[in-house]
Amino acid sequence: MKITVITVCRNSAATLQDTLESVLAQSWTGYEYLVVDGGSTDGTLEMLQDVEGRFHGRLKWISEPDNGIYDAMNKGVRMSSGDVVGFLNADDYYQDNGVLETIAGAFAQHGTDAVHGNLHYINAARKVV
């Protein structure tokens, strides 16, 4: 099973590194990671270029103007080739390295149509709120 993870962003250099690292840390490697950037000017693109090789071909990204977050999300869906498609926002991250493996296991069960995760809200000081 191939999982597509989509992150949409624009000028997200302040938070995107944690997002990227959490995807890289996943034990499930049957994924493609798509980043749809809305034309960042803050170092986001340089960050993607720097980390691209660590994904061993599983990262694809584009940077171009869009018509907002939902347009960007739809671009990501159109680019996807996974059996399962999910979104991970540019200021979010997977809490542990087994998230995608758990998702794959849930979809392997007969009748699973959707899954969701528990959220922890963390402020700028990295404290749970």
N, C-alpha and C. Protein backbone atom coordinates (compact mmCIF):
# COMPACT_ATOMS: atom_id res chain seq x y z
N MET A 1 0.85 -1.18 0.00
CA MET A 1 0.00 0.00 0.00
C MET A 1 0.89 1.24 0.00
N LYS A 2 0.57 2.14 -0.90
CA LYS A 2 1.32 3.39 -0.99
C LYS A 2 0.47 4.52 -0.39
N ILE A 3 1.07 5.27 0.49
CA ILE A 3 0.42 6.41 1.13
C ILE A 3 1.01 7.69 0.56
N THR A 4 0.15 8.59 0.14
CA THR A 4 0.58 9.92 -0.29
C THR A 4 0.33 10.88 0.86
N VAL A 5 1.36 11.58 1.28
CA VAL A 5 1.25 12.64 2.28
C VAL A 5 1.45 13.96 1.56
N ILE A 6 0.51 14.88 1.74
CA ILE A 6 0.56 16.18 1.07
C ILE A 6 0.70 17.28 2.11
N THR A 7 1.65 18.16 1.90
CA THR A 7 1.80 19.36 2.71
C THR A 7 1.69 20.56 1.78
N VAL A 8 0.77 21.45 2.10
CA VAL A 8 0.67 22.71 1.36
C VAL A 8 1.26 23.81 2.24
N CYS A 9 1.94 24.75 1.60
CA CYS A 9 2.61 25.77 2.40
C CYS A 9 2.84 27.02 1.57
N ARG A 10 3.14 28.07 2.28
CA ARG A 10 3.63 29.32 1.69
C ARG A 10 4.35 30.08 2.80
N ASN A 11 5.60 30.38 2.57
CA ASN A 11 6.43 31.07 3.57
C ASN A 11 6.37 30.37 4.92
N SER A 12 6.72 29.10 4.91
CA SER A 12 6.63 28.25 6.11
C SER A 12 7.98 27.83 6.65
N ALA A 13 9.04 28.57 6.34
CA ALA A 13 10.38 28.18 6.77
C ALA A 13 10.49 28.05 8.29
N ALA A 14 9.71 28.80 9.03
CA ALA A 14 9.81 28.77 10.50
C ALA A 14 9.32 27.45 11.10
N THR A 15 8.46 26.72 10.39
CA THR A 15 7.87 25.51 10.98
C THR A 15 8.05 24.26 10.13
N LEU A 16 8.39 24.40 8.88
CA LEU A 16 8.39 23.27 7.96
C LEU A 16 9.44 22.22 8.29
N GLN A 17 10.56 22.61 8.88
CA GLN A 17 11.62 21.65 9.17
C GLN A 17 11.12 20.51 10.06
N ASP A 18 10.35 20.82 11.10
CA ASP A 18 9.80 19.77 11.97
C ASP A 18 8.87 18.85 11.19
N THR A 19 8.10 19.41 10.28
CA THR A 19 7.20 18.62 9.45
C THR A 19 8.00 17.64 8.60
N LEU A 20 9.01 18.15 7.91
CA LEU A 20 9.84 17.32 7.05
C LEU A 20 10.53 16.21 7.84
N GLU A 21 11.10 16.56 8.98
CA GLU A 21 11.81 15.57 9.80
C GLU A 21 10.88 14.48 10.29
N SER A 22 9.63 14.84 10.61
CA SER A 22 8.71 13.82 11.11
C SER A 22 8.31 12.85 10.01
N VAL A 23 8.23 13.31 8.78
CA VAL A 23 7.95 12.40 7.66
C VAL A 23 9.18 11.52 7.40
N LEU A 24 10.36 12.11 7.41
CA LEU A 24 11.58 11.34 7.21
C LEU A 24 11.76 10.24 8.26
N ALA A 25 11.29 10.46 9.46
CA ALA A 25 11.47 9.51 10.56
C ALA A 25 10.51 8.33 10.52
N GLN A 26 9.56 8.32 9.61
CA GLN A 26 8.55 7.28 9.59
C GLN A 26 9.14 5.90 9.28
N SER A 27 8.70 4.89 10.02
CA SER A 27 9.16 3.52 9.79
C SER A 27 8.55 2.95 8.51
N TRP A 28 7.37 3.40 8.13
CA TRP A 28 6.71 2.97 6.90
C TRP A 28 7.32 3.77 5.75
N THR A 29 7.98 3.11 4.83
CA THR A 29 8.63 3.81 3.74
C THR A 29 7.85 3.73 2.43
N GLY A 30 6.69 3.12 2.45
CA GLY A 30 5.86 3.02 1.26
C GLY A 30 5.01 4.26 1.09
N TYR A 31 5.66 5.39 1.01
CA TYR A 31 4.93 6.65 0.87
C TYR A 31 5.57 7.53 -0.18
N GLU A 32 4.80 8.46 -0.68
CA GLU A 32 5.33 9.58 -1.44
C GLU A 32 4.94 10.83 -0.67
N TYR A 33 5.82 11.79 -0.69
CA TYR A 33 5.59 13.03 0.05
C TYR A 33 5.56 14.18 -0.95
N LEU A 34 4.44 14.85 -1.02
CA LEU A 34 4.25 15.96 -1.95
C LEU A 34 4.14 17.26 -1.18
N VAL A 35 4.93 18.23 -1.55
CA VAL A 35 4.85 19.56 -0.95
C VAL A 35 4.43 20.51 -2.06
N VAL A 36 3.31 21.19 -1.83
CA VAL A 36 2.78 22.16 -2.79
C VAL A 36 2.95 23.53 -2.16
N ASP A 37 3.89 24.28 -2.70
CA ASP A 37 4.25 25.59 -2.16
C ASP A 37 3.63 26.68 -3.03
N GLY A 38 3.11 27.70 -2.39
CA GLY A 38 2.43 28.78 -3.09
C GLY A 38 3.31 29.93 -3.52
N GLY A 39 4.61 29.70 -3.67
CA GLY A 39 5.52 30.76 -4.12
C GLY A 39 6.25 31.44 -2.98
N SER A 40 6.80 30.66 -2.09
CA SER A 40 7.47 31.20 -0.90
C SER A 40 8.67 32.06 -1.25
N THR A 41 8.94 33.02 -0.37
CA THR A 41 10.10 33.91 -0.51
C THR A 41 10.93 33.98 0.76
N ASP A 42 10.70 33.05 1.70
CA ASP A 42 11.32 33.14 3.03
C ASP A 42 12.36 32.08 3.33
N GLY A 43 12.80 31.32 2.33
CA GLY A 43 13.76 30.25 2.57
C GLY A 43 13.13 28.87 2.54
N THR A 44 11.83 28.77 2.38
CA THR A 44 11.15 27.48 2.31
C THR A 44 11.70 26.64 1.16
N LEU A 45 11.89 27.24 0.00
CA LEU A 45 12.35 26.48 -1.17
C LEU A 45 13.76 25.96 -0.98
N GLU A 46 14.62 26.76 -0.37
CA GLU A 46 15.98 26.32 -0.09
C GLU A 46 15.96 25.15 0.90
N MET A 47 15.06 25.20 1.87
CA MET A 47 14.93 24.11 2.83
C MET A 47 14.54 22.82 2.11
N LEU A 48 13.59 22.91 1.18
CA LEU A 48 13.16 21.73 0.42
C LEU A 48 14.31 21.19 -0.43
N GLN A 49 15.06 22.07 -1.05
CA GLN A 49 16.20 21.64 -1.86
C GLN A 49 17.25 20.93 -1.00
N ASP A 50 17.48 21.46 0.20
CA ASP A 50 18.49 20.88 1.09
C ASP A 50 18.11 19.48 1.58
N VAL A 51 16.83 19.24 1.79
CA VAL A 51 16.39 17.97 2.38
C VAL A 51 15.99 16.94 1.32
N GLU A 52 15.82 17.36 0.10
CA GLU A 52 15.28 16.51 -0.96
C GLU A 52 16.01 15.16 -1.08
N GLY A 53 17.32 15.16 -1.08
CA GLY A 53 18.09 13.93 -1.22
C GLY A 53 17.86 12.92 -0.12
N ARG A 54 17.54 13.38 1.06
CA ARG A 54 17.31 12.48 2.20
C ARG A 54 16.04 11.65 2.02
N PHE A 55 15.16 12.06 1.13
CA PHE A 55 13.91 11.32 0.88
C PHE A 55 14.09 10.21 -0.15
N HIS A 56 15.24 10.10 -0.77
CA HIS A 56 15.53 9.04 -1.72
C HIS A 56 14.44 8.88 -2.78
N GLY A 57 14.05 9.99 -3.38
CA GLY A 57 13.08 9.97 -4.46
C GLY A 57 11.62 9.99 -4.04
N ARG A 58 11.34 9.96 -2.74
CA ARG A 58 9.94 9.95 -2.28
C ARG A 58 9.35 11.35 -2.13
N LEU A 59 10.18 12.40 -2.21
CA LEU A 59 9.71 13.78 -2.11
C LEU A 59 9.60 14.39 -3.49
N LYS A 60 8.43 14.97 -3.77
CA LYS A 60 8.22 15.77 -4.96
C LYS A 60 7.63 17.09 -4.49
N TRP A 61 8.07 18.18 -5.08
CA TRP A 61 7.53 19.47 -4.67
C TRP A 61 7.44 20.40 -5.86
N ILE A 62 6.49 21.31 -5.74
CA ILE A 62 6.33 22.37 -6.73
C ILE A 62 6.18 23.68 -5.98
N SER A 63 6.53 24.75 -6.64
CA SER A 63 6.33 26.09 -6.08
C SER A 63 5.82 26.98 -7.19
N GLU A 64 4.60 27.44 -7.01
CA GLU A 64 3.97 28.32 -7.99
C GLU A 64 2.80 29.02 -7.33
N PRO A 65 2.39 30.14 -7.84
CA PRO A 65 1.22 30.82 -7.27
C PRO A 65 -0.01 29.92 -7.34
N ASP A 66 -0.88 30.08 -6.38
CA ASP A 66 -2.13 29.34 -6.38
C ASP A 66 -3.26 30.26 -5.93
N ASN A 67 -4.44 29.72 -5.87
CA ASN A 67 -5.62 30.49 -5.46
C ASN A 67 -6.04 30.15 -4.04
N GLY A 68 -5.08 29.91 -3.17
CA GLY A 68 -5.38 29.63 -1.78
C GLY A 68 -5.15 28.18 -1.40
N ILE A 69 -5.38 27.90 -0.13
CA ILE A 69 -5.05 26.59 0.43
C ILE A 69 -5.80 25.44 -0.24
N TYR A 70 -7.06 25.65 -0.58
CA TYR A 70 -7.83 24.55 -1.16
C TYR A 70 -7.41 24.28 -2.59
N ASP A 71 -7.02 25.30 -3.32
CA ASP A 71 -6.46 25.11 -4.65
C ASP A 71 -5.16 24.31 -4.54
N ALA A 72 -4.33 24.66 -3.58
CA ALA A 72 -3.07 23.95 -3.38
C ALA A 72 -3.32 22.50 -2.97
N MET A 73 -4.29 22.27 -2.11
CA MET A 73 -4.61 20.90 -1.70
C MET A 73 -5.07 20.07 -2.91
N ASN A 74 -5.90 20.67 -3.73
CA ASN A 74 -6.37 19.96 -4.93
C ASN A 74 -5.23 19.68 -5.89
N LYS A 75 -4.27 20.59 -6.02
CA LYS A 75 -3.09 20.31 -6.83
C LYS A 75 -2.36 19.08 -6.31
N GLY A 76 -2.22 19.01 -4.99
CA GLY A 76 -1.55 17.86 -4.39
C GLY A 76 -2.29 16.56 -4.66
N VAL A 77 -3.60 16.59 -4.55
CA VAL A 77 -4.39 15.38 -4.82
C VAL A 77 -4.20 14.95 -6.27
N ARG A 78 -4.21 15.91 -7.20
CA ARG A 78 -4.02 15.58 -8.62
C ARG A 78 -2.63 15.00 -8.88
N MET A 79 -1.63 15.42 -8.10
CA MET A 79 -0.27 14.91 -8.27
C MET A 79 -0.08 13.53 -7.63
N SER A 80 -0.97 13.14 -6.75
CA SER A 80 -0.77 11.94 -5.93
C SER A 80 -0.92 10.66 -6.74
N SER A 81 -0.19 9.64 -6.29
CA SER A 81 -0.31 8.32 -6.90
C SER A 81 -0.53 7.23 -5.85
N GLY A 82 -0.80 7.63 -4.62
CA GLY A 82 -0.98 6.67 -3.55
C GLY A 82 -2.35 6.04 -3.52
N ASP A 83 -2.43 4.92 -2.82
CA ASP A 83 -3.71 4.25 -2.58
C ASP A 83 -4.51 5.01 -1.53
N VAL A 84 -3.80 5.69 -0.65
CA VAL A 84 -4.37 6.48 0.43
C VAL A 84 -3.74 7.86 0.35
N VAL A 85 -4.55 8.90 0.54
CA VAL A 85 -4.05 10.28 0.49
C VAL A 85 -4.37 10.96 1.81
N GLY A 86 -3.38 11.64 2.38
CA GLY A 86 -3.58 12.37 3.62
C GLY A 86 -2.85 13.70 3.58
N PHE A 87 -3.22 14.58 4.50
CA PHE A 87 -2.63 15.91 4.57
C PHE A 87 -1.91 16.08 5.90
N LEU A 88 -0.76 16.72 5.85
CA LEU A 88 0.01 17.10 7.03
C LEU A 88 0.39 18.55 6.83
N ASN A 89 -0.17 19.42 7.63
CA ASN A 89 0.06 20.86 7.45
C ASN A 89 1.50 21.23 7.76
N ALA A 90 1.92 22.37 7.22
CA ALA A 90 3.31 22.80 7.31
C ALA A 90 3.73 23.23 8.70
N ASP A 91 2.80 23.37 9.61
CA ASP A 91 3.17 23.68 10.99
C ASP A 91 2.79 22.53 11.92
N ASP A 92 2.59 21.34 11.34
CA ASP A 92 2.27 20.14 12.10
C ASP A 92 3.37 19.10 11.88
N TYR A 93 3.36 18.07 12.71
CA TYR A 93 4.32 16.99 12.53
C TYR A 93 3.75 15.73 13.16
N TYR A 94 4.27 14.57 12.70
CA TYR A 94 3.87 13.30 13.29
C TYR A 94 4.61 13.14 14.61
N GLN A 95 3.87 12.76 15.65
CA GLN A 95 4.45 12.70 16.99
C GLN A 95 5.44 11.54 17.15
N ASP A 96 5.22 10.46 16.42
CA ASP A 96 6.16 9.35 16.52
C ASP A 96 6.38 8.74 15.14
N ASN A 97 7.35 7.84 15.05
CA ASN A 97 7.74 7.32 13.74
C ASN A 97 6.86 6.17 13.24
N GLY A 98 5.81 5.83 13.95
CA GLY A 98 4.93 4.75 13.54
C GLY A 98 3.59 5.20 13.00
N VAL A 99 3.41 6.47 12.76
CA VAL A 99 2.10 6.98 12.35
C VAL A 99 1.68 6.40 11.00
N LEU A 100 2.53 6.48 10.00
CA LEU A 100 2.15 5.97 8.68
C LEU A 100 1.96 4.45 8.70
N GLU A 101 2.72 3.76 9.49
CA GLU A 101 2.55 2.31 9.62
C GLU A 101 1.19 1.99 10.24
N THR A 102 0.78 2.75 11.23
CA THR A 102 -0.53 2.56 11.85
C THR A 102 -1.64 2.84 10.84
N ILE A 103 -1.47 3.89 10.04
CA ILE A 103 -2.46 4.22 9.02
C ILE A 103 -2.56 3.10 8.00
N ALA A 104 -1.42 2.59 7.54
CA ALA A 104 -1.43 1.49 6.57
C ALA A 104 -2.13 0.27 7.15
N GLY A 105 -1.88 -0.02 8.42
CA GLY A 105 -2.53 -1.15 9.08
C GLY A 105 -4.03 -0.98 9.16
N ALA A 106 -4.47 0.24 9.44
CA ALA A 106 -5.91 0.50 9.54
C ALA A 106 -6.58 0.31 8.19
N PHE A 107 -5.94 0.76 7.12
CA PHE A 107 -6.54 0.61 5.79
C PHE A 107 -6.45 -0.82 5.28
N ALA A 108 -5.55 -1.62 5.83
CA ALA A 108 -5.48 -3.03 5.44
C ALA A 108 -6.67 -3.82 5.97
N GLN A 109 -7.33 -3.29 6.99
CA GLN A 109 -8.52 -3.95 7.53
C GLN A 109 -9.70 -3.71 6.60
N HIS A 110 -10.47 -4.72 6.41
CA HIS A 110 -11.62 -4.63 5.51
C HIS A 110 -12.61 -3.56 5.99
N GLY A 111 -13.02 -2.72 5.06
CA GLY A 111 -14.07 -1.76 5.35
C GLY A 111 -13.62 -0.40 5.86
N THR A 112 -12.32 -0.18 6.01
CA THR A 112 -11.85 1.12 6.47
C THR A 112 -11.89 2.11 5.31
N ASP A 113 -12.59 3.22 5.53
CA ASP A 113 -12.69 4.25 4.50
C ASP A 113 -11.89 5.50 4.85
N ALA A 114 -11.70 5.78 6.13
CA ALA A 114 -11.01 6.99 6.56
C ALA A 114 -10.44 6.76 7.95
N VAL A 115 -9.36 7.47 8.25
CA VAL A 115 -8.79 7.47 9.59
C VAL A 115 -8.50 8.91 9.99
N HIS A 116 -8.37 9.14 11.27
CA HIS A 116 -8.01 10.46 11.77
C HIS A 116 -7.05 10.28 12.94
N GLY A 117 -6.37 11.33 13.28
CA GLY A 117 -5.43 11.26 14.37
C GLY A 117 -5.82 12.17 15.52
N ASN A 118 -5.23 11.91 16.66
CA ASN A 118 -5.42 12.78 17.81
C ASN A 118 -4.48 13.97 17.66
N LEU A 119 -4.95 15.13 18.06
CA LEU A 119 -4.16 16.35 17.93
C LEU A 119 -3.71 16.84 19.30
N HIS A 120 -2.50 17.34 19.34
CA HIS A 120 -1.98 18.04 20.51
C HIS A 120 -1.64 19.43 20.03
N TYR A 121 -2.19 20.44 20.66
CA TYR A 121 -1.90 21.82 20.28
C TYR A 121 -0.72 22.32 21.08
N ILE A 122 0.29 22.82 20.37
CA ILE A 122 1.54 23.25 20.98
C ILE A 122 1.78 24.70 20.62
N ASN A 123 2.11 25.51 21.62
CA ASN A 123 2.36 26.93 21.35
C ASN A 123 3.80 27.15 20.90
N ALA A 124 4.15 28.40 20.63
CA ALA A 124 5.47 28.75 20.11
C ALA A 124 6.60 28.33 21.06
N ALA A 125 6.30 28.23 22.34
CA ALA A 125 7.30 27.79 23.32
C ALA A 125 7.37 26.26 23.43
N ARG A 126 6.68 25.56 22.50
CA ARG A 126 6.64 24.12 22.46
C ARG A 126 6.00 23.49 23.68
N LYS A 127 5.02 24.15 24.23
CA LYS A 127 4.25 23.65 25.36
C LYS A 127 2.86 23.25 24.86
N VAL A 128 2.37 22.11 25.35
CA VAL A 128 1.02 21.66 24.99
C VAL A 128 0.02 22.60 25.63
N VAL A 129 -0.91 23.08 24.81
CA VAL A 129 -1.96 23.99 25.32
C VAL A 129 -3.32 23.34 25.24
